[in-house]
Amino acid sequence: MSNKLDKLDRQILRLIAADARIPFLEVARSCNVSGAAIHQRIQKLTAMGILKGSQFIIDPEKIGYETCAFIGLNLKDPETFDAVVEKLKEIPEVVECHYTTGNFDMFIKIHAFNNHHLLDIIHDKLQPLGLASSQTLISFHSAFTRQLPVNELSLGGEEDE
C-alpha cells in the first residue's frame, strides 16, 4: 500500500473534514466516483493512520464543566513517565496529555466543573502522581478550535492536475 496520497484522497479528506457526517454517496457524487471507491479510499486512509475515526464533539460548558485549565507538570522522577501517563488516563477530567520540551515534562488539559473542583483534582489526583512542580493556566474562553487544512504539501502528495 502506497503512503502517497493522490488528488482523490485529498478531495475526500477535504469533504469529510468539513462535515464528518457527510454521506459517502454524496462524497462519491462530489468526486465523480462510485460509492464503493469511496469506501475503499476511506479504509485505505484509516489503515494509513490518516483518519483516526469520527466523533461527536460535546461542549464541556453545556454539560457543566465551566473551568478549562492547562497544567504543566514536572515529575520528581522522569523514569515514571509511562506510569504517570497511565494514571492520568484514569482521571476522566484530563482530556489531553502531551510530552513537551521547555519548562515542563508534560502538559495536560483538564475540564472541571468550577475552580473548587479543579483544586480538588490537582490536590487529590495530580499531586499523588509524584510531581516536583506544576503550573496551572486557566482558560477564560477558547477563541477557536479547528482541524488542520488539507492541502498538497501537508499530505506529501503531488499536484496531479
C-alpha atoms as a PDB file:
ATOM      1  CA  MET A   1       0.000   0.000   0.000  1.00  0.00           C
ATOM      2  CA  SER A   2       1.442   3.328  -1.037  1.00  0.00           C
ATOM      3  CA  ASN A   3       1.726   6.098   1.518  1.00  0.00           C
ATOM      4  CA  LYS A   4       1.341   8.683  -1.221  1.00  0.00           C
ATOM      5  CA  LEU A   5      -1.985  10.458  -1.386  1.00  0.00           C
ATOM      6  CA  ASP A   6      -3.467  11.414  -4.695  1.00  0.00           C
ATOM      7  CA  LYS A   7      -5.892  14.114  -5.735  1.00  0.00           C
ATOM      8  CA  LEU A   8      -8.932  11.938  -4.930  1.00  0.00           C
ATOM      9  CA  ASP A   9      -7.636  11.168  -1.417  1.00  0.00           C
ATOM     10  CA  ARG A  10      -7.145  14.874  -0.752  1.00  0.00           C
ATOM     11  CA  GLN A  11     -10.590  15.720  -2.115  1.00  0.00           C
ATOM     12  CA  ILE A  12     -12.186  13.078   0.129  1.00  0.00           C
ATOM     13  CA  LEU A  13     -10.278  14.371   3.153  1.00  0.00           C
ATOM     14  CA  ARG A  14     -11.394  17.945   2.485  1.00  0.00           C
ATOM     15  CA  LEU A  15     -15.047  16.893   2.257  1.00  0.00           C
ATOM     16  CA  ILE A  16     -15.126  14.715   5.357  1.00  0.00           C
ATOM     17  CA  ALA A  17     -13.032  17.161   7.393  1.00  0.00           C
ATOM     18  CA  ALA A  18     -15.616  19.846   6.636  1.00  0.00           C
ATOM     19  CA  ASP A  19     -18.504  17.530   7.616  1.00  0.00           C
ATOM     20  CA  ALA A  20     -17.780  14.156   9.212  1.00  0.00           C
ATOM     21  CA  ARG A  21     -21.453  13.208   8.791  1.00  0.00           C
ATOM     22  CA  ILE A  22     -21.499  13.692   5.023  1.00  0.00           C
ATOM     23  CA  PRO A  23     -22.912  10.532   3.392  1.00  0.00           C
ATOM     24  CA  PHE A  24     -20.364   8.531   1.402  1.00  0.00           C
ATOM     25  CA  LEU A  25     -22.671   8.652  -1.618  1.00  0.00           C
ATOM     26  CA  GLU A  26     -22.579  12.453  -1.510  1.00  0.00           C
ATOM     27  CA  VAL A  27     -18.775  12.306  -1.322  1.00  0.00           C
ATOM     28  CA  ALA A  28     -18.821   9.907  -4.282  1.00  0.00           C
ATOM     29  CA  ARG A  29     -21.008  12.270  -6.329  1.00  0.00           C
ATOM     30  CA  SER A  30     -18.767  15.254  -5.498  1.00  0.00           C
ATOM     31  CA  CYS A  31     -15.701  13.264  -6.525  1.00  0.00           C
ATOM     32  CA  ASN A  32     -17.313  11.641  -9.610  1.00  0.00           C
ATOM     33  CA  VAL A  33     -16.539   8.105  -8.434  1.00  0.00           C
ATOM     34  CA  SER A  34     -18.571   5.170  -7.123  1.00  0.00           C
ATOM     35  CA  GLY A  35     -19.660   4.741  -3.531  1.00  0.00           C
ATOM     36  CA  ALA A  36     -17.551   1.564  -3.382  1.00  0.00           C
ATOM     37  CA  ALA A  37     -14.476   3.567  -4.392  1.00  0.00           C
ATOM     38  CA  ILE A  38     -15.109   5.990  -1.535  1.00  0.00           C
ATOM     39  CA  HIS A  39     -15.451   3.119   0.957  1.00  0.00           C
ATOM     40  CA  GLN A  40     -12.153   1.641  -0.276  1.00  0.00           C
ATOM     41  CA  ARG A  41     -10.389   5.001  -0.021  1.00  0.00           C
ATOM     42  CA  ILE A  42     -11.749   5.619   3.487  1.00  0.00           C
ATOM     43  CA  GLN A  43     -10.481   2.170   4.516  1.00  0.00           C
ATOM     44  CA  LYS A  44      -7.066   2.959   2.985  1.00  0.00           C
ATOM     45  CA  LEU A  45      -6.866   6.344   4.752  1.00  0.00           C
ATOM     46  CA  THR A  46      -7.829   4.677   8.038  1.00  0.00           C
ATOM     47  CA  ALA A  47      -5.260   1.878   7.575  1.00  0.00           C
ATOM     48  CA  MET A  48      -2.604   4.524   6.875  1.00  0.00           C
ATOM     49  CA  GLY A  49      -3.465   6.202  10.186  1.00  0.00           C
ATOM     50  CA  ILE A  50      -4.504   9.452   8.498  1.00  0.00           C
ATOM     51  CA  LEU A  51      -8.118   9.038   9.590  1.00  0.00           C
ATOM     52  CA  LYS A  52      -8.483   8.246  13.261  1.00  0.00           C
ATOM     53  CA  GLY A  53     -12.252   7.903  13.326  1.00  0.00           C
ATOM     54  CA  SER A  54     -15.109  10.302  13.702  1.00  0.00           C
ATOM     55  CA  GLN A  55     -16.838  11.556  16.797  1.00  0.00           C
ATOM     56  CA  PHE A  56     -19.460  13.881  18.133  1.00  0.00           C
ATOM     57  CA  ILE A  57     -17.919  16.819  19.970  1.00  0.00           C
ATOM     58  CA  ILE A  58     -19.537  17.615  23.309  1.00  0.00           C
ATOM     59  CA  ASP A  59     -19.315  21.212  24.520  1.00  0.00           C
ATOM     60  CA  PRO A  60     -17.934  20.802  28.077  1.00  0.00           C
ATOM     61  CA  GLU A  61     -19.607  24.002  29.296  1.00  0.00           C
ATOM     62  CA  LYS A  62     -23.046  22.764  28.184  1.00  0.00           C
ATOM     63  CA  ILE A  63     -22.719  19.743  30.483  1.00  0.00           C
ATOM     64  CA  GLY A  64     -21.448  21.668  33.497  1.00  0.00           C
ATOM     65  CA  TYR A  65     -17.664  21.834  33.042  1.00  0.00           C
ATOM     66  CA  GLU A  66     -17.186  25.582  33.357  1.00  0.00           C
ATOM     67  CA  THR A  67     -13.429  25.611  34.030  1.00  0.00           C
ATOM     68  CA  CYS A  68     -10.824  24.646  31.447  1.00  0.00           C
ATOM     69  CA  ALA A  69      -7.184  24.583  32.530  1.00  0.00           C
ATOM     70  CA  PHE A  70      -3.821  23.718  31.067  1.00  0.00           C
ATOM     71  CA  ILE A  71      -1.293  22.387  33.549  1.00  0.00           C
ATOM     72  CA  GLY A  72       2.436  21.992  33.054  1.00  0.00           C
ATOM     73  CA  LEU A  73       3.780  19.076  35.097  1.00  0.00           C
ATOM     74  CA  ASN A  74       7.296  18.304  36.246  1.00  0.00           C
ATOM     75  CA  LEU A  75       7.909  14.859  37.660  1.00  0.00           C
ATOM     76  CA  LYS A  76      10.151  14.117  40.628  1.00  0.00           C
ATOM     77  CA  ASP A  77      11.410  11.071  38.745  1.00  0.00           C
ATOM     78  CA  PRO A  78      11.328  11.277  34.922  1.00  0.00           C
ATOM     79  CA  GLU A  79      11.564   7.482  34.766  1.00  0.00           C
ATOM     80  CA  THR A  80       7.926   7.360  35.930  1.00  0.00           C
ATOM     81  CA  PHE A  81       6.620   8.971  32.699  1.00  0.00           C
ATOM     82  CA  ASP A  82       4.803   5.863  31.457  1.00  0.00           C
ATOM     83  CA  ALA A  83       3.236   5.087  34.837  1.00  0.00           C
ATOM     84  CA  VAL A  84       2.116   8.707  35.262  1.00  0.00           C
ATOM     85  CA  VAL A  85       0.528   8.717  31.793  1.00  0.00           C
ATOM     86  CA  GLU A  86      -1.406   5.559  32.681  1.00  0.00           C
ATOM     87  CA  LYS A  87      -2.620   7.202  35.923  1.00  0.00           C
ATOM     88  CA  LEU A  88      -3.592  10.371  34.016  1.00  0.00           C
ATOM     89  CA  LYS A  89      -5.706   8.227  31.681  1.00  0.00           C
ATOM     90  CA  GLU A  90      -7.707   7.159  34.756  1.00  0.00           C
ATOM     91  CA  ILE A  91      -8.656  10.778  35.559  1.00  0.00           C
ATOM     92  CA  PRO A  92     -11.691  11.494  33.341  1.00  0.00           C
ATOM     93  CA  GLU A  93     -11.292  15.273  33.587  1.00  0.00           C
ATOM     94  CA  VAL A  94      -7.857  15.053  31.905  1.00  0.00           C
ATOM     95  CA  VAL A  95      -8.696  15.223  28.193  1.00  0.00           C
ATOM     96  CA  GLU A  96      -5.219  15.717  26.694  1.00  0.00           C
ATOM     97  CA  CYS A  97      -1.661  14.881  27.666  1.00  0.00           C
ATOM     98  CA  HIS A  98       1.449  15.947  25.770  1.00  0.00           C
ATOM     99  CA  TYR A  99       5.141  15.266  26.278  1.00  0.00           C
ATOM    100  CA  THR A 100       6.868  18.615  25.882  1.00  0.00           C
ATOM    101  CA  THR A 101      10.180  20.407  25.677  1.00  0.00           C
ATOM    102  CA  GLY A 102      10.932  23.513  27.682  1.00  0.00           C
ATOM    103  CA  ASN A 103       9.860  24.103  31.262  1.00  0.00           C
ATOM    104  CA  PHE A 104       7.626  21.042  31.688  1.00  0.00           C
ATOM    105  CA  ASP A 105       7.898  17.292  31.320  1.00  0.00           C
ATOM    106  CA  MET A 106       4.216  17.069  30.366  1.00  0.00           C
ATOM    107  CA  PHE A 107       1.393  19.441  29.564  1.00  0.00           C
ATOM    108  CA  ILE A 108      -2.216  18.415  30.214  1.00  0.00           C
ATOM    109  CA  LYS A 109      -5.638  19.846  29.546  1.00  0.00           C
ATOM    110  CA  ILE A 110      -8.358  19.482  32.170  1.00  0.00           C
ATOM    111  CA  HIS A 111     -12.060  20.312  32.298  1.00  0.00           C
ATOM    112  CA  ALA A 112     -13.557  20.868  35.758  1.00  0.00           C
ATOM    113  CA  PHE A 113     -16.986  21.913  36.989  1.00  0.00           C
ATOM    114  CA  ASN A 114     -15.513  25.011  38.652  1.00  0.00           C
ATOM    115  CA  ASN A 115     -12.320  26.288  40.292  1.00  0.00           C
ATOM    116  CA  HIS A 116     -13.014  24.353  43.503  1.00  0.00           C
ATOM    117  CA  HIS A 117     -13.343  21.115  41.512  1.00  0.00           C
ATOM    118  CA  LEU A 118     -10.104  21.971  39.679  1.00  0.00           C
ATOM    119  CA  LEU A 119      -8.324  22.426  43.014  1.00  0.00           C
ATOM    120  CA  ASP A 120      -9.634  19.038  44.177  1.00  0.00           C
ATOM    121  CA  ILE A 121      -8.318  17.384  41.003  1.00  0.00           C
ATOM    122  CA  ILE A 122      -4.897  18.984  41.415  1.00  0.00           C
ATOM    123  CA  HIS A 123      -4.660  18.212  45.134  1.00  0.00           C
ATOM    124  CA  ASP A 124      -6.272  14.764  45.244  1.00  0.00           C
ATOM    125  CA  LYS A 125      -5.448  13.275  41.841  1.00  0.00           C
ATOM    126  CA  LEU A 126      -2.390  15.013  40.383  1.00  0.00           C
ATOM    127  CA  GLN A 127      -0.147  15.669  43.397  1.00  0.00           C
ATOM    128  CA  PRO A 128      -0.064  11.974  44.419  1.00  0.00           C
ATOM    129  CA  LEU A 129       1.442  11.128  40.997  1.00  0.00           C
ATOM    130  CA  GLY A 130       4.884  12.270  42.156  1.00  0.00           C
ATOM    131  CA  LEU A 131       5.056  15.831  40.886  1.00  0.00           C
ATOM    132  CA  ALA A 132       8.069  18.004  41.606  1.00  0.00           C
ATOM    133  CA  SER A 133       6.065  21.042  40.488  1.00  0.00           C
ATOM    134  CA  SER A 134       3.154  22.152  38.366  1.00  0.00           C
ATOM    135  CA  GLN A 135       1.853  25.361  36.862  1.00  0.00           C
ATOM    136  CA  THR A 136      -1.812  25.919  36.089  1.00  0.00           C
ATOM    137  CA  LEU A 137      -3.196  28.242  33.446  1.00  0.00           C
ATOM    138  CA  ILE A 138      -6.957  28.739  33.397  1.00  0.00           C
ATOM    139  CA  SER A 139      -8.565  29.382  30.025  1.00  0.00           C
ATOM    140  CA  PHE A 140     -11.274  32.044  30.083  1.00  0.00           C
ATOM    141  CA  HIS A 141     -12.610  31.079  26.659  1.00  0.00           C
ATOM    142  CA  SER A 142     -11.494  29.136  23.599  1.00  0.00           C
ATOM    143  CA  ALA A 143     -11.304  31.591  20.709  1.00  0.00           C
ATOM    144  CA  PHE A 144     -11.393  28.714  18.173  1.00  0.00           C
ATOM    145  CA  THR A 145     -10.580  25.072  17.612  1.00  0.00           C
ATOM    146  CA  ARG A 146     -10.128  23.613  14.159  1.00  0.00           C
ATOM    147  CA  GLN A 147      -8.712  20.826  12.032  1.00  0.00           C
ATOM    148  CA  LEU A 148      -5.563  21.472  10.046  1.00  0.00           C
ATOM    149  CA  PRO A 149      -6.248  22.307   6.404  1.00  0.00           C
ATOM    150  CA  VAL A 150      -5.943  19.506   3.881  1.00  0.00           C
ATOM    151  CA  ASN A 151      -3.502  20.601   1.222  1.00  0.00           C
ATOM    152  CA  GLU A 152      -0.945  19.002  -1.035  1.00  0.00           C
ATOM    153  CA  LEU A 153       2.137  19.962   0.976  1.00  0.00           C
ATOM    154  CA  SER A 154       0.800  18.732   4.319  1.00  0.00           C
ATOM    155  CA  LEU A 155      -0.012  15.298   2.891  1.00  0.00           C
ATOM    156  CA  GLY A 156       3.123  14.751   0.874  1.00  0.00           C
ATOM    157  CA  GLY A 157       1.168  14.467  -2.369  1.00  0.00           C
ATOM    158  CA  GLU A 158       1.948  15.962  -5.682  1.00  0.00           C
ATOM    159  CA  GLU A 159      -0.476  18.072  -7.614  1.00  0.00           C
ATOM    160  CA  ASP A 160      -1.707  15.802 -10.374  1.00  0.00           C
ATOM    161  CA  GLU A 161      -3.889  18.125 -12.401  1.00  0.00           C
END
